[in-house]
Protein backbone atom coordinates (compact mmCIF):
# COMPACT_ATOMS: atom_id res chain seq x y z
CA MET A 1 -47.09 15.92 24.13
CA PRO A 2 -49.77 15.23 26.78
CA LYS A 3 -50.03 11.88 28.46
CA VAL A 4 -52.46 9.28 27.18
CA LYS A 5 -55.80 9.61 28.94
CA VAL A 6 -56.58 6.09 30.11
CA ASP A 7 -60.34 6.50 30.51
CA GLY A 8 -60.18 5.78 34.24
CA ILE A 9 -59.66 2.03 33.85
CA LEU A 10 -56.00 1.32 34.58
CA ALA A 11 -56.35 -0.31 37.98
CA GLY A 12 -59.92 -1.60 37.90
CA ILE A 13 -60.70 -4.90 39.63
CA LEU A 14 -63.36 -7.11 38.11
CA ALA A 15 -66.02 -8.34 40.52
CA VAL A 16 -68.70 -10.77 39.40
CA ALA A 17 -71.34 -11.58 42.00
CA LEU A 18 -72.83 -15.06 42.02
CA GLY A 19 -74.50 -14.85 45.38
CA VAL A 20 -70.99 -14.25 46.79
CA THR A 21 -68.77 -11.80 44.96
CA GLY A 22 -65.53 -13.17 43.55
CA GLN A 23 -62.58 -10.98 42.59
CA ALA A 24 -60.11 -11.31 39.76
CA ALA A 25 -56.65 -9.80 40.21
CA PRO A 26 -55.87 -7.68 37.14
CA ALA A 27 -52.71 -8.60 35.25
CA GLN A 28 -50.63 -5.60 34.26
CA LEU A 29 -49.05 -5.18 30.83
CA ALA A 30 -45.92 -3.06 31.18
CA PRO A 31 -43.83 -1.38 28.48
CA GLY A 32 -40.67 -3.10 27.26
CA VAL A 33 -39.51 -5.71 24.82
CA SER A 34 -41.48 -8.62 26.16
CA GLY A 35 -43.93 -7.03 28.61
CA SER A 36 -44.56 -8.24 32.13
CA THR A 37 -47.34 -8.93 34.62
CA SER A 38 -47.80 -8.24 38.31
CA THR A 39 -49.53 -11.60 38.71
CA GLU A 40 -48.94 -14.81 36.80
CA THR A 41 -52.62 -15.59 36.22
CA PHE A 42 -55.99 -14.13 37.07
CA GLY A 43 -57.27 -15.34 40.42
CA HIS A 44 -60.84 -15.86 39.24
CA ASP A 45 -61.06 -17.53 35.83
CA GLU A 46 -64.79 -18.09 36.18
CA ALA A 47 -65.38 -14.36 36.56
CA MET A 48 -63.68 -13.64 33.27
CA ARG A 49 -65.46 -16.50 31.53
CA LEU A 50 -68.84 -15.15 32.63
CA LEU A 51 -67.87 -11.66 31.52
CA SER A 52 -67.06 -12.94 28.04
CA VAL A 53 -70.27 -15.00 27.83
CA PHE A 54 -72.30 -12.00 28.96
CA GLY A 55 -70.73 -9.64 26.40
CA ASN A 56 -71.31 -12.04 23.51
CA CYS A 57 -74.89 -12.69 24.54
CA TYR A 58 -75.72 -9.02 25.11
CA ALA A 59 -74.32 -7.92 21.75
CA ARG A 60 -76.39 -10.60 20.01
CA ARG A 61 -79.68 -10.20 21.91
CA TYR A 62 -79.68 -6.47 22.63
CA GLU A 63 -77.95 -5.05 19.58
CA ALA A 64 -79.50 -1.58 19.73
CA ASP A 65 -78.53 -1.15 23.39
CA ALA A 66 -75.04 -2.50 22.73
CA LEU A 67 -74.57 0.04 19.94
CA ALA A 68 -75.83 2.84 22.19
CA LEU A 69 -73.20 2.05 24.81
CA VAL A 70 -70.31 1.71 22.36
CA ALA A 71 -71.34 4.96 20.63
CA THR A 72 -70.37 6.95 23.73
CA GLU A 73 -66.87 8.27 24.42
CA PRO A 74 -64.98 5.99 26.82
CA GLY A 75 -64.81 7.45 30.30
CA SER A 76 -67.38 10.15 29.52
CA ARG A 77 -70.49 11.21 31.40
CA ALA A 78 -72.56 9.98 28.44
CA GLU A 79 -71.03 6.51 28.81
CA ALA A 80 -71.78 6.42 32.54
CA GLU A 81 -75.37 7.63 32.04
CA THR A 82 -75.98 5.10 29.25
CA TYR A 83 -74.54 2.33 31.41
CA ARG A 84 -76.86 3.21 34.31
CA ARG A 85 -79.87 3.40 32.00
CA LEU A 86 -79.21 0.06 30.32
CA PHE A 87 -78.24 -1.97 33.36
CA ARG A 88 -80.25 -0.58 36.26
CA ARG A 89 -82.55 -3.62 36.15
CA GLY A 90 -79.94 -6.14 35.01
CA ASN A 91 -80.12 -8.40 31.99
CA GLN A 92 -80.87 -11.80 33.44
CA ALA A 93 -81.29 -13.47 30.03
CA CYS A 94 -77.54 -13.10 29.41
CA LEU A 95 -76.39 -14.24 32.85
CA VAL A 96 -75.49 -17.87 33.34
CA GLY A 97 -76.84 -19.37 36.56
CA ALA A 98 -79.74 -18.95 38.93
CA GLU A 99 -82.21 -16.09 39.05
CA ASP A 100 -80.15 -14.42 41.78
CA THR A 101 -77.11 -14.21 39.49
CA GLU A 102 -75.90 -10.66 38.93
CA MET A 103 -72.78 -8.95 37.66
CA ARG A 104 -71.15 -5.94 39.24
CA MET A 105 -68.16 -4.53 37.42
CA PRO A 106 -66.67 -1.28 36.08
CA VAL A 107 -68.36 0.18 33.04
CA ALA A 108 -65.11 -0.13 31.05
CA LEU A 109 -65.17 -3.92 31.39
CA VAL A 110 -68.85 -4.17 30.49
CA ARG A 111 -68.32 -1.96 27.46
CA GLY A 112 -65.25 -3.94 26.41
CA ALA A 113 -66.94 -7.33 26.68
CA ILE A 114 -69.90 -6.04 24.66
CA ALA A 115 -67.62 -4.49 22.02
CA GLU A 116 -65.86 -7.82 21.65
CA GLY A 117 -69.28 -9.44 21.38
CA LEU A 118 -70.19 -7.10 18.52
CA TYR A 119 -67.02 -8.15 16.71
CA LYS A 120 -67.40 -11.88 17.34
CA ASN A 121 -71.08 -11.87 16.36
CA HIS A 122 -70.28 -10.05 13.10
CA ILE A 123 -72.70 -7.23 13.92
CA ALA A 124 -72.67 -4.74 11.05
CA LEU A 125 -70.80 -1.52 11.83
CA PRO A 126 -73.06 1.54 11.42
CA ALA A 127 -71.35 4.21 9.34
CA ASN A 128 -71.60 6.75 12.16
CA LEU A 129 -69.62 4.50 14.52
CA ALA A 130 -66.66 3.89 12.18
CA LEU A 131 -63.45 5.44 13.51
CA ALA A 132 -60.33 6.21 11.51
CA MET A 133 -56.99 4.83 12.65
CA PRO A 134 -54.91 7.73 14.04
CA GLU A 135 -51.21 8.11 13.33
CA ALA A 136 -48.91 7.51 16.29
CA GLY A 137 -48.00 11.19 16.70
CA THR A 138 -51.64 12.27 17.05
CA VAL A 139 -52.67 9.81 19.79
CA ARG A 140 -54.19 11.38 22.92
CA THR A 141 -56.25 8.61 24.54
CA PHE A 142 -55.99 4.91 25.40
CA SER A 143 -58.64 4.12 22.79
CA GLU A 144 -56.78 6.08 20.11
CA ALA A 145 -53.59 4.15 20.92
CA ALA A 146 -55.52 0.90 20.45
CA ARG A 147 -56.87 2.10 17.10
CA CYS A 148 -53.39 3.25 16.04
CA TYR A 149 -51.99 -0.20 16.76
CA THR A 150 -54.88 -2.05 15.14
CA GLY A 151 -54.66 0.03 11.99
CA ALA A 152 -51.14 -1.24 11.33
CA HIS A 153 -51.42 -4.70 12.95
CA ARG A 154 -54.91 -5.96 12.21
CA ASP A 155 -53.88 -9.60 11.88
CA GLN A 156 -52.17 -9.63 15.27
CA ALA A 157 -55.12 -7.95 16.97
CA ARG A 158 -57.53 -10.35 15.29
CA ASP A 159 -55.45 -13.35 16.36
CA LEU A 160 -55.57 -12.14 19.97
CA ILE A 161 -59.36 -11.70 19.98
CA GLU A 162 -60.24 -14.82 18.03
CA ASN A 163 -57.76 -17.28 19.56
CA THR A 164 -57.55 -16.34 23.25
CA GLN A 165 -60.06 -15.83 26.04
CA PRO A 166 -60.16 -12.83 28.42
CA GLY A 167 -58.08 -13.19 31.56
CA THR A 168 -56.15 -16.29 30.47
CA ARG A 169 -52.42 -16.97 30.31
CA ASP A 170 -52.70 -17.30 26.51
CA GLU A 171 -54.16 -13.81 26.36
CA LEU A 172 -51.28 -12.42 28.41
CA VAL A 173 -48.67 -14.18 26.27
CA ALA A 174 -50.26 -12.71 23.12
CA LEU A 175 -50.43 -9.23 24.65
CA ASN A 176 -46.78 -9.42 25.66
CA ARG A 177 -45.93 -10.11 22.02
CA ILE A 178 -48.03 -7.12 21.00
CA ALA A 179 -46.61 -4.76 23.64
CA PRO A 180 -43.54 -3.38 21.81
CA ASP A 181 -45.53 -2.32 18.73
CA PHE A 182 -48.45 -1.08 20.82
CA TYR A 183 -46.17 1.20 22.83
CA ARG A 184 -44.97 2.80 19.61
CA CYS A 185 -48.48 4.27 19.39
CA VAL A 186 -48.25 5.68 22.93
CA PRO A 187 -46.77 9.19 23.39
CA ASP A 188 -43.24 9.22 24.82
CA THR A 189 -44.42 10.89 28.02
CA ALA A 190 -46.76 7.97 28.78
CA ARG A 191 -44.60 4.99 27.82
CA GLY A 192 -43.63 4.20 31.39
CA ARG A 193 -47.26 3.57 32.25
CA GLY A 194 -48.65 0.05 32.59
CA PHE A 195 -51.95 -0.99 31.05
CA GLN A 196 -54.25 -3.62 32.52
CA ALA A 197 -54.05 -6.55 30.14
CA THR A 198 -57.69 -7.53 29.52
CA GLN A 199 -58.74 -3.89 29.32
CA LEU A 200 -56.20 -3.38 26.53
CA ARG A 201 -57.59 -6.51 24.84
CA PHE A 202 -61.09 -5.01 24.94
CA ARG A 203 -59.88 -1.71 23.48
CA LEU A 204 -58.27 -3.63 20.62
CA ALA A 205 -61.49 -5.59 20.06
CA GLU A 206 -63.49 -2.37 19.82
CA ALA A 207 -60.88 -0.91 17.46
CA LEU A 208 -61.17 -3.96 15.20
CA TRP A 209 -64.96 -3.72 15.07
CA ARG A 210 -64.95 0.05 14.46
CA MET A 211 -62.34 -0.02 11.70
CA PRO A 212 -63.82 1.54 8.53
CA ALA A 213 -64.33 -0.94 5.72
CA ALA A 214 -61.72 0.66 3.46
CA SER A 215 -59.11 0.63 6.25
CA ALA A 216 -59.95 -2.96 7.14
CA THR A 217 -59.46 -4.05 3.53
CA ALA A 218 -56.15 -2.22 3.26
CA ALA A 219 -54.88 -3.71 6.53
CA ALA A 220 -55.91 -7.21 5.50
CA THR A 221 -54.11 -6.94 2.15
CA GLY A 222 -51.07 -5.11 3.44
CA GLY A 223 -52.09 -1.85 1.77
CA ALA A 224 -51.58 1.69 2.97
CA ARG A 225 -53.31 2.86 6.12
């Protein structure tokens, strides 16, 4: 079985520029019973807070553009081209701070924050963006692994997204609880690979939002997938 394609985001470092760029060290979620991290906490909490605020604001104020970005395949040329088109002039209305405030970060983090914003703002899921939850043996990508996990553990994924903030210790604790079941969705040949914690969180948020209505109802009531 081929390794999980991780959409080019495993070792990304978040940089948010507020006149002077600050960097957040990415925590790593490793396979195992309890999970682990290469750093105890993120080094730039404000960066992650601003990322979350931006994603929520953008999903609410620029819904059509948010949907256009999330409609693309993660890590694809279409995603990169949509990202450049949408953000080449910035979106100052969703940035907290002075007029000179800007954000510079990998497309995967922007997409993830916006996807979480779509979920938290209860933006209706267009039928063409609904994605079925794959069975563990059919998983080929990082996003499919997230959907596989979410399909069987919707309550746990929802608790993570609704009760923790990106980049926090609480988020990491919750992800470490999730790790054993998440890795059951990852092919055997890729289970030794670590996943960056907040990027996994964002994939789970997108999976929650894109869960078809019938699947969401079944997961919420304990029914069949």
